[in-house]
Amino acid sequence: MIARIENGAIVERRDISIDDVPEHKRASWLPVEGDEPTFDTDLQTIDGPSYAIDGNVVRRTWTVTNRVFTEADYAAAIQSHVDATAQAKGYADGVALAGYSTSTIPAWSAEAQAFIAWRDAVWIYAYTELAKVQAGQREAPTIAGIIGELPSIVWP
């Protein structure tokens, strides 16, 4: 990649080599250096690139920042985990499984009751940890981190 410079400012960028510019026009062009950094899309966001003239090159840079998860991000991930747990037992989702709590089939009723108790424990844990984050008593976990901290279900 190259950039054309006029009056000390970048006015154009092209995805070609300096060798592709005619010799008599090369004085207005500088090579662009800098590769996009690797980053974890689950944990970080990236802004850029930005370009700055640095001597005989144009530097291309990006800013990688740690992602700030919202309460809605955590709630959606936890609900997805709850539903996936129900689906692993063959139910459509957590609501469907909980609906079997009064089933006349003892095995289904027992599964639903175990699930409901577990689901409640999951949400109590999640809200307790959120309160700790909001009070500054712990760092905000990643989505994978909070899912890994949740209680495990014990099926009948």
N, C-alpha and C. Protein backbone atom coordinates (compact mmCIF):
# COMPACT_ATOMS: atom_id res chain seq x y z
N MET A 1 0.85 -1.17 0.00
CA MET A 1 0.00 0.00 0.00
C MET A 1 0.90 1.23 0.00
N ILE A 2 0.43 2.28 -0.68
CA ILE A 2 1.16 3.55 -0.72
C ILE A 2 0.18 4.69 -0.45
N ALA A 3 0.75 5.84 -0.08
CA ALA A 3 -0.06 7.03 0.20
C ALA A 3 0.56 8.22 -0.52
N ARG A 4 -0.29 9.05 -1.12
CA ARG A 4 0.18 10.27 -1.78
C ARG A 4 0.11 11.41 -0.78
N ILE A 5 1.20 12.18 -0.75
CA ILE A 5 1.33 13.27 0.19
C ILE A 5 1.32 14.60 -0.56
N GLU A 6 0.51 15.54 -0.06
CA GLU A 6 0.50 16.91 -0.59
C GLU A 6 0.51 17.86 0.58
N ASN A 7 1.44 18.81 0.55
CA ASN A 7 1.54 19.82 1.60
C ASN A 7 1.58 19.20 3.00
N GLY A 8 2.30 18.09 3.13
CA GLY A 8 2.47 17.45 4.42
C GLY A 8 1.27 16.66 4.92
N ALA A 9 0.30 16.42 4.04
CA ALA A 9 -0.90 15.68 4.43
C ALA A 9 -1.14 14.51 3.48
N ILE A 10 -1.73 13.45 4.03
CA ILE A 10 -2.09 12.29 3.21
C ILE A 10 -3.38 12.64 2.48
N VAL A 11 -3.34 12.57 1.16
CA VAL A 11 -4.52 12.94 0.39
C VAL A 11 -5.12 11.75 -0.38
N GLU A 12 -4.36 10.65 -0.44
CA GLU A 12 -4.85 9.49 -1.20
C GLU A 12 -4.07 8.26 -0.77
N ARG A 13 -4.76 7.12 -0.75
CA ARG A 13 -4.09 5.84 -0.49
C ARG A 13 -4.49 4.87 -1.59
N ARG A 14 -3.53 4.04 -1.98
CA ARG A 14 -3.80 3.02 -2.99
C ARG A 14 -3.17 1.71 -2.55
N ASP A 15 -3.83 0.64 -2.89
CA ASP A 15 -3.33 -0.69 -2.54
C ASP A 15 -2.45 -1.22 -3.67
N ILE A 16 -1.37 -0.50 -3.94
CA ILE A 16 -0.39 -0.91 -4.94
C ILE A 16 1.00 -0.68 -4.37
N SER A 17 2.00 -1.15 -5.09
CA SER A 17 3.40 -0.97 -4.67
C SER A 17 3.93 0.35 -5.22
N ILE A 18 4.92 0.90 -4.54
CA ILE A 18 5.58 2.12 -5.02
C ILE A 18 6.18 1.88 -6.40
N ASP A 19 6.55 0.62 -6.68
CA ASP A 19 7.13 0.27 -7.98
C ASP A 19 6.11 0.42 -9.11
N ASP A 20 4.82 0.45 -8.77
CA ASP A 20 3.77 0.60 -9.78
C ASP A 20 3.52 2.07 -10.15
N VAL A 21 4.18 2.99 -9.43
CA VAL A 21 4.03 4.42 -9.70
C VAL A 21 5.13 4.84 -10.67
N PRO A 22 4.77 5.60 -11.71
CA PRO A 22 5.82 6.06 -12.63
C PRO A 22 6.92 6.81 -11.87
N GLU A 23 8.13 6.62 -12.32
CA GLU A 23 9.31 7.19 -11.66
C GLU A 23 9.17 8.69 -11.40
N HIS A 24 8.65 9.43 -12.34
CA HIS A 24 8.56 10.88 -12.19
C HIS A 24 7.50 11.32 -11.17
N LYS A 25 6.62 10.42 -10.70
CA LYS A 25 5.60 10.76 -9.72
C LYS A 25 5.88 10.20 -8.33
N ARG A 26 6.94 9.42 -8.20
CA ARG A 26 7.21 8.73 -6.93
C ARG A 26 7.52 9.66 -5.77
N ALA A 27 8.00 10.85 -6.03
CA ALA A 27 8.36 11.77 -4.95
C ALA A 27 7.15 12.15 -4.11
N SER A 28 5.94 12.04 -4.67
CA SER A 28 4.72 12.40 -3.94
C SER A 28 4.14 11.22 -3.17
N TRP A 29 4.74 10.06 -3.27
CA TRP A 29 4.17 8.86 -2.67
C TRP A 29 5.11 8.27 -1.62
N LEU A 30 4.53 7.73 -0.56
CA LEU A 30 5.31 7.04 0.47
C LEU A 30 4.70 5.66 0.71
N PRO A 31 5.56 4.69 1.05
CA PRO A 31 5.01 3.37 1.38
C PRO A 31 4.26 3.42 2.72
N VAL A 32 3.24 2.60 2.82
CA VAL A 32 2.46 2.49 4.06
C VAL A 32 2.92 1.23 4.77
N GLU A 33 3.23 1.37 6.05
CA GLU A 33 3.67 0.23 6.86
C GLU A 33 2.72 0.03 8.03
N GLY A 34 2.59 -1.21 8.46
CA GLY A 34 1.77 -1.55 9.62
C GLY A 34 0.69 -2.54 9.27
N ASP A 35 0.68 -3.64 9.99
CA ASP A 35 -0.31 -4.69 9.77
C ASP A 35 -1.34 -4.66 10.88
N GLU A 36 -2.55 -5.03 10.55
CA GLU A 36 -3.60 -5.09 11.55
C GLU A 36 -3.21 -6.10 12.62
N PRO A 37 -3.31 -5.70 13.89
CA PRO A 37 -2.94 -6.63 14.96
C PRO A 37 -4.00 -7.72 15.13
N THR A 38 -3.56 -8.84 15.66
CA THR A 38 -4.51 -9.89 15.99
C THR A 38 -5.18 -9.51 17.31
N PHE A 39 -6.43 -9.89 17.46
CA PHE A 39 -7.15 -9.59 18.68
C PHE A 39 -8.27 -10.60 18.83
N ASP A 40 -8.75 -10.77 20.03
CA ASP A 40 -9.81 -11.71 20.35
C ASP A 40 -11.15 -10.99 20.26
N THR A 41 -11.94 -11.32 19.24
CA THR A 41 -13.20 -10.61 19.01
C THR A 41 -14.19 -10.81 20.15
N ASP A 42 -14.02 -11.85 20.96
CA ASP A 42 -14.89 -12.04 22.11
C ASP A 42 -14.54 -11.12 23.27
N LEU A 43 -13.29 -10.67 23.31
CA LEU A 43 -12.82 -9.89 24.45
C LEU A 43 -12.42 -8.46 24.11
N GLN A 44 -12.21 -8.19 22.82
CA GLN A 44 -11.66 -6.90 22.44
C GLN A 44 -12.38 -6.34 21.21
N THR A 45 -12.25 -5.03 21.03
CA THR A 45 -12.70 -4.37 19.82
C THR A 45 -11.51 -3.67 19.19
N ILE A 46 -11.64 -3.34 17.92
CA ILE A 46 -10.54 -2.69 17.22
C ILE A 46 -11.09 -1.48 16.47
N ASP A 47 -10.34 -0.38 16.53
CA ASP A 47 -10.68 0.83 15.80
C ASP A 47 -9.52 1.14 14.86
N GLY A 48 -9.86 1.63 13.70
CA GLY A 48 -8.81 2.02 12.77
C GLY A 48 -9.00 1.36 11.44
N PRO A 49 -8.03 1.51 10.61
CA PRO A 49 -6.72 2.08 10.93
C PRO A 49 -6.71 3.60 10.85
N SER A 50 -5.67 4.17 11.47
CA SER A 50 -5.37 5.59 11.29
C SER A 50 -4.00 5.66 10.62
N TYR A 51 -3.75 6.76 9.96
CA TYR A 51 -2.52 6.91 9.18
C TYR A 51 -1.80 8.17 9.62
N ALA A 52 -0.47 8.09 9.72
CA ALA A 52 0.34 9.25 10.09
C ALA A 52 1.66 9.18 9.35
N ILE A 53 2.10 10.33 8.88
CA ILE A 53 3.40 10.41 8.19
C ILE A 53 4.49 10.33 9.25
N ASP A 54 5.44 9.40 9.02
CA ASP A 54 6.53 9.19 9.96
C ASP A 54 7.83 9.10 9.16
N GLY A 55 8.41 10.25 8.90
CA GLY A 55 9.64 10.26 8.11
C GLY A 55 9.36 9.90 6.66
N ASN A 56 9.96 8.79 6.22
CA ASN A 56 9.83 8.36 4.83
C ASN A 56 8.77 7.28 4.63
N VAL A 57 7.91 7.10 5.63
CA VAL A 57 6.83 6.12 5.51
C VAL A 57 5.56 6.70 6.11
N VAL A 58 4.46 6.07 5.78
CA VAL A 58 3.19 6.37 6.42
C VAL A 58 2.89 5.19 7.32
N ARG A 59 2.70 5.44 8.60
CA ARG A 59 2.41 4.38 9.57
C ARG A 59 0.90 4.20 9.67
N ARG A 60 0.51 2.95 9.56
CA ARG A 60 -0.90 2.58 9.71
C ARG A 60 -1.02 1.89 11.06
N THR A 61 -1.93 2.40 11.93
CA THR A 61 -2.07 1.82 13.27
C THR A 61 -3.54 1.60 13.60
N TRP A 62 -3.76 0.70 14.52
CA TRP A 62 -5.08 0.37 15.03
C TRP A 62 -5.05 0.50 16.54
N THR A 63 -6.21 0.71 17.12
CA THR A 63 -6.32 0.75 18.57
C THR A 63 -7.18 -0.42 19.01
N VAL A 64 -6.60 -1.30 19.81
CA VAL A 64 -7.32 -2.45 20.35
C VAL A 64 -7.68 -2.13 21.79
N THR A 65 -8.95 -2.27 22.12
CA THR A 65 -9.39 -2.00 23.49
C THR A 65 -10.16 -3.22 24.01
N ASN A 66 -10.08 -3.39 25.30
CA ASN A 66 -10.85 -4.47 25.92
C ASN A 66 -12.33 -4.14 25.82
N ARG A 67 -13.09 -5.13 25.45
CA ARG A 67 -14.52 -4.95 25.29
C ARG A 67 -15.17 -4.77 26.67
N VAL A 68 -16.08 -3.85 26.76
CA VAL A 68 -16.84 -3.65 27.99
C VAL A 68 -18.19 -4.32 27.78
N PHE A 69 -18.43 -5.36 28.56
CA PHE A 69 -19.68 -6.10 28.43
C PHE A 69 -20.77 -5.39 29.20
N THR A 70 -21.96 -5.36 28.63
CA THR A 70 -23.10 -4.74 29.29
C THR A 70 -23.88 -5.79 30.06
N GLU A 71 -24.75 -5.32 30.91
CA GLU A 71 -25.62 -6.23 31.65
C GLU A 71 -26.44 -7.08 30.67
N ALA A 72 -26.86 -6.47 29.57
CA ALA A 72 -27.62 -7.20 28.55
C ALA A 72 -26.78 -8.29 27.89
N ASP A 73 -25.48 -8.04 27.68
CA ASP A 73 -24.60 -9.06 27.11
C ASP A 73 -24.53 -10.28 28.03
N TYR A 74 -24.34 -10.02 29.33
CA TYR A 74 -24.27 -11.12 30.28
C TYR A 74 -25.60 -11.87 30.35
N ALA A 75 -26.70 -11.14 30.42
CA ALA A 75 -28.02 -11.77 30.53
C ALA A 75 -28.31 -12.65 29.32
N ALA A 76 -27.99 -12.17 28.14
CA ALA A 76 -28.23 -12.95 26.92
C ALA A 76 -27.39 -14.22 26.91
N ALA A 77 -26.14 -14.11 27.31
CA ALA A 77 -25.25 -15.28 27.33
C ALA A 77 -25.70 -16.30 28.37
N ILE A 78 -26.11 -15.82 29.53
CA ILE A 78 -26.55 -16.74 30.58
C ILE A 78 -27.85 -17.41 30.17
N GLN A 79 -28.77 -16.65 29.60
CA GLN A 79 -30.03 -17.25 29.14
C GLN A 79 -29.77 -18.28 28.05
N SER A 80 -28.85 -18.00 27.17
CA SER A 80 -28.47 -18.95 26.13
C SER A 80 -27.91 -20.23 26.75
N HIS A 81 -27.12 -20.09 27.81
CA HIS A 81 -26.56 -21.24 28.52
C HIS A 81 -27.68 -22.06 29.18
N VAL A 82 -28.63 -21.37 29.79
CA VAL A 82 -29.77 -22.04 30.43
C VAL A 82 -30.56 -22.82 29.37
N ASP A 83 -30.86 -22.17 28.26
CA ASP A 83 -31.62 -22.84 27.20
C ASP A 83 -30.84 -24.01 26.59
N ALA A 84 -29.54 -23.84 26.41
CA ALA A 84 -28.71 -24.92 25.86
C ALA A 84 -28.69 -26.13 26.79
N THR A 85 -28.72 -25.88 28.08
CA THR A 85 -28.75 -26.97 29.05
C THR A 85 -30.04 -27.76 28.91
N ALA A 86 -31.16 -27.07 28.74
CA ALA A 86 -32.45 -27.74 28.53
C ALA A 86 -32.46 -28.49 27.20
N GLN A 87 -31.92 -27.87 26.18
CA GLN A 87 -31.89 -28.49 24.86
C GLN A 87 -31.03 -29.75 24.85
N ALA A 88 -29.98 -29.77 25.66
CA ALA A 88 -29.12 -30.96 25.75
C ALA A 88 -29.89 -32.16 26.29
N LYS A 89 -30.97 -31.91 27.00
CA LYS A 89 -31.83 -33.00 27.51
C LYS A 89 -33.00 -33.28 26.57
N GLY A 90 -33.05 -32.59 25.43
CA GLY A 90 -34.08 -32.86 24.44
C GLY A 90 -35.30 -31.95 24.50
N TYR A 91 -35.25 -30.92 25.32
CA TYR A 91 -36.36 -29.97 25.43
C TYR A 91 -36.10 -28.79 24.48
N ALA A 92 -37.14 -28.10 24.08
CA ALA A 92 -37.01 -26.98 23.14
C ALA A 92 -36.17 -25.85 23.74
N ASP A 93 -36.38 -25.56 25.02
CA ASP A 93 -35.64 -24.51 25.71
C ASP A 93 -35.96 -24.60 27.20
N GLY A 94 -35.46 -23.66 27.96
CA GLY A 94 -35.68 -23.69 29.40
C GLY A 94 -37.13 -23.55 29.80
N VAL A 95 -37.86 -22.71 29.08
CA VAL A 95 -39.28 -22.52 29.40
C VAL A 95 -40.05 -23.83 29.18
N ALA A 96 -39.76 -24.51 28.10
CA ALA A 96 -40.44 -25.78 27.82
C ALA A 96 -40.13 -26.80 28.90
N LEU A 97 -38.87 -26.90 29.29
CA LEU A 97 -38.51 -27.86 30.33
C LEU A 97 -39.17 -27.51 31.66
N ALA A 98 -39.16 -26.25 32.04
CA ALA A 98 -39.78 -25.84 33.31
C ALA A 98 -41.27 -26.15 33.31
N GLY A 99 -41.87 -26.14 32.15
CA GLY A 99 -43.30 -26.43 32.05
C GLY A 99 -43.68 -27.85 32.44
N TYR A 100 -42.70 -28.73 32.51
CA TYR A 100 -42.96 -30.12 32.89
C TYR A 100 -42.93 -30.33 34.41
N SER A 101 -42.80 -29.27 35.18
CA SER A 101 -42.66 -29.41 36.63
C SER A 101 -43.89 -30.07 37.27
N THR A 102 -45.05 -29.94 36.66
CA THR A 102 -46.27 -30.58 37.20
C THR A 102 -46.71 -31.75 36.34
N SER A 103 -45.79 -32.25 35.54
CA SER A 103 -46.12 -33.38 34.67
C SER A 103 -46.54 -34.60 35.48
N THR A 104 -47.43 -35.39 34.92
CA THR A 104 -47.85 -36.64 35.57
C THR A 104 -46.84 -37.76 35.32
N ILE A 105 -45.86 -37.49 34.48
CA ILE A 105 -44.77 -38.45 34.25
C ILE A 105 -43.68 -38.13 35.26
N PRO A 106 -43.44 -38.99 36.23
CA PRO A 106 -42.49 -38.68 37.31
C PRO A 106 -41.09 -38.29 36.82
N ALA A 107 -40.57 -38.94 35.79
CA ALA A 107 -39.21 -38.63 35.31
C ALA A 107 -39.15 -37.21 34.74
N TRP A 108 -40.18 -36.83 34.00
CA TRP A 108 -40.20 -35.48 33.41
C TRP A 108 -40.36 -34.42 34.50
N SER A 109 -41.21 -34.70 35.45
CA SER A 109 -41.42 -33.76 36.55
C SER A 109 -40.13 -33.59 37.35
N ALA A 110 -39.42 -34.68 37.59
CA ALA A 110 -38.17 -34.62 38.35
C ALA A 110 -37.10 -33.82 37.59
N GLU A 111 -37.02 -34.04 36.28
CA GLU A 111 -36.06 -33.27 35.48
C GLU A 111 -36.39 -31.78 35.53
N ALA A 112 -37.67 -31.45 35.39
CA ALA A 112 -38.10 -30.06 35.41
C ALA A 112 -37.79 -29.42 36.76
N GLN A 113 -38.07 -30.13 37.84
CA GLN A 113 -37.82 -29.56 39.17
C GLN A 113 -36.33 -29.36 39.42
N ALA A 114 -35.51 -30.31 38.97
CA ALA A 114 -34.06 -30.15 39.11
C ALA A 114 -33.58 -28.97 38.27
N PHE A 115 -34.13 -28.85 37.09
CA PHE A 115 -33.76 -27.74 36.21
C PHE A 115 -34.15 -26.39 36.81
N ILE A 116 -35.34 -26.29 37.33
CA ILE A 116 -35.81 -25.03 37.91
C ILE A 116 -34.93 -24.62 39.09
N ALA A 117 -34.59 -25.57 39.94
CA ALA A 117 -33.71 -25.26 41.08
C ALA A 117 -32.35 -24.79 40.59
N TRP A 118 -31.83 -25.47 39.57
CA TRP A 118 -30.53 -25.09 39.01
C TRP A 118 -30.62 -23.70 38.35
N ARG A 119 -31.66 -23.49 37.55
CA ARG A 119 -31.84 -22.21 36.87
C ARG A 119 -31.87 -21.07 37.89
N ASP A 120 -32.60 -21.26 38.98
CA ASP A 120 -32.66 -20.24 40.02
C ASP A 120 -31.27 -19.99 40.63
N ALA A 121 -30.53 -21.06 40.87
CA ALA A 121 -29.18 -20.93 41.43
C ALA A 121 -28.26 -20.18 40.46
N VAL A 122 -28.42 -20.44 39.18
CA VAL A 122 -27.62 -19.75 38.15
C VAL A 122 -27.87 -18.25 38.21
N TRP A 123 -29.14 -17.87 38.20
CA TRP A 123 -29.47 -16.44 38.18
C TRP A 123 -29.12 -15.75 39.50
N ILE A 124 -29.28 -16.44 40.62
CA ILE A 124 -28.88 -15.86 41.90
C ILE A 124 -27.37 -15.60 41.89
N TYR A 125 -26.61 -16.57 41.41
CA TYR A 125 -25.16 -16.40 41.33
C TYR A 125 -24.81 -15.23 40.41
N ALA A 126 -25.43 -15.19 39.25
CA ALA A 126 -25.12 -14.13 38.28
C ALA A 126 -25.41 -12.75 38.84
N TYR A 127 -26.57 -12.58 39.47
CA TYR A 127 -26.92 -11.27 40.02
C TYR A 127 -26.04 -10.91 41.22
N THR A 128 -25.63 -11.90 42.00
CA THR A 128 -24.72 -11.64 43.12
C THR A 128 -23.37 -11.15 42.61
N GLU A 129 -22.86 -11.79 41.56
CA GLU A 129 -21.57 -11.39 40.99
C GLU A 129 -21.67 -10.03 40.31
N LEU A 130 -22.79 -9.74 39.66
CA LEU A 130 -22.98 -8.43 39.05
C LEU A 130 -22.95 -7.34 40.12
N ALA A 131 -23.58 -7.60 41.24
CA ALA A 131 -23.57 -6.62 42.34
C ALA A 131 -22.14 -6.39 42.84
N LYS A 132 -21.34 -7.45 42.88
CA LYS A 132 -19.93 -7.29 43.29
C LYS A 132 -19.16 -6.43 42.30
N VAL A 133 -19.42 -6.63 41.00
CA VAL A 133 -18.76 -5.82 39.98
C VAL A 133 -19.16 -4.36 40.15
N GLN A 134 -20.45 -4.12 40.30
CA GLN A 134 -20.95 -2.76 40.44
C GLN A 134 -20.44 -2.08 41.71
N ALA A 135 -20.16 -2.86 42.74
CA ALA A 135 -19.64 -2.31 44.00
C ALA A 135 -18.11 -2.20 43.99
N GLY A 136 -17.48 -2.63 42.89
CA GLY A 136 -16.02 -2.58 42.81
C GLY A 136 -15.32 -3.66 43.60
N GLN A 137 -16.05 -4.72 43.96
CA GLN A 137 -15.47 -5.81 44.76
C GLN A 137 -14.81 -6.88 43.90
N ARG A 138 -15.05 -6.82 42.59
CA ARG A 138 -14.39 -7.76 41.67
C ARG A 138 -14.36 -7.15 40.29
N GLU A 139 -13.45 -7.65 39.48
CA GLU A 139 -13.37 -7.22 38.08
C GLU A 139 -14.53 -7.84 37.31
N ALA A 140 -14.96 -7.16 36.28
CA ALA A 140 -16.00 -7.71 35.42
C ALA A 140 -15.43 -8.92 34.68
N PRO A 141 -16.11 -10.06 34.75
CA PRO A 141 -15.60 -11.25 34.04
C PRO A 141 -15.90 -11.16 32.55
N THR A 142 -15.23 -12.00 31.79
CA THR A 142 -15.59 -12.15 30.39
C THR A 142 -16.88 -12.96 30.33
N ILE A 143 -17.48 -13.02 29.18
CA ILE A 143 -18.68 -13.84 29.02
C ILE A 143 -18.34 -15.31 29.29
N ALA A 144 -17.27 -15.79 28.68
CA ALA A 144 -16.87 -17.19 28.92
C ALA A 144 -16.53 -17.41 30.39
N GLY A 145 -15.93 -16.40 31.00
CA GLY A 145 -15.57 -16.52 32.41
C GLY A 145 -16.78 -16.69 33.31
N ILE A 146 -17.81 -15.86 33.12
CA ILE A 146 -18.98 -15.97 33.99
C ILE A 146 -19.72 -17.28 33.73
N ILE A 147 -19.78 -17.72 32.48
CA ILE A 147 -20.43 -19.01 32.18
C ILE A 147 -19.69 -20.14 32.89
N GLY A 148 -18.37 -20.06 32.90
CA GLY A 148 -17.56 -21.08 33.57
C GLY A 148 -17.72 -21.08 35.08
N GLU A 149 -18.13 -19.96 35.65
CA GLU A 149 -18.32 -19.86 37.10
C GLU A 149 -19.69 -20.37 37.55
N LEU A 150 -20.63 -20.49 36.65
CA LEU A 150 -22.00 -20.84 37.03
C LEU A 150 -22.08 -22.24 37.62
N PRO A 151 -23.03 -22.47 38.50
CA PRO A 151 -23.21 -23.81 39.07
C PRO A 151 -23.51 -24.83 37.97
N SER A 152 -23.15 -26.05 38.22
CA SER A 152 -23.45 -27.15 37.30
C SER A 152 -24.77 -27.79 37.69
N ILE A 153 -25.47 -28.26 36.68
CA ILE A 153 -26.75 -28.91 36.97
C ILE A 153 -26.50 -30.36 37.38
N VAL A 154 -27.34 -30.84 38.28
CA VAL A 154 -27.32 -32.25 38.68
C VAL A 154 -28.69 -32.81 38.33
N TRP A 155 -28.70 -33.69 37.35
CA TRP A 155 -29.97 -34.28 36.90
C TRP A 155 -30.36 -35.44 37.82
N PRO A 156 -31.65 -35.68 37.96
CA PRO A 156 -32.10 -36.82 38.80
C PRO A 156 -31.76 -38.15 38.13
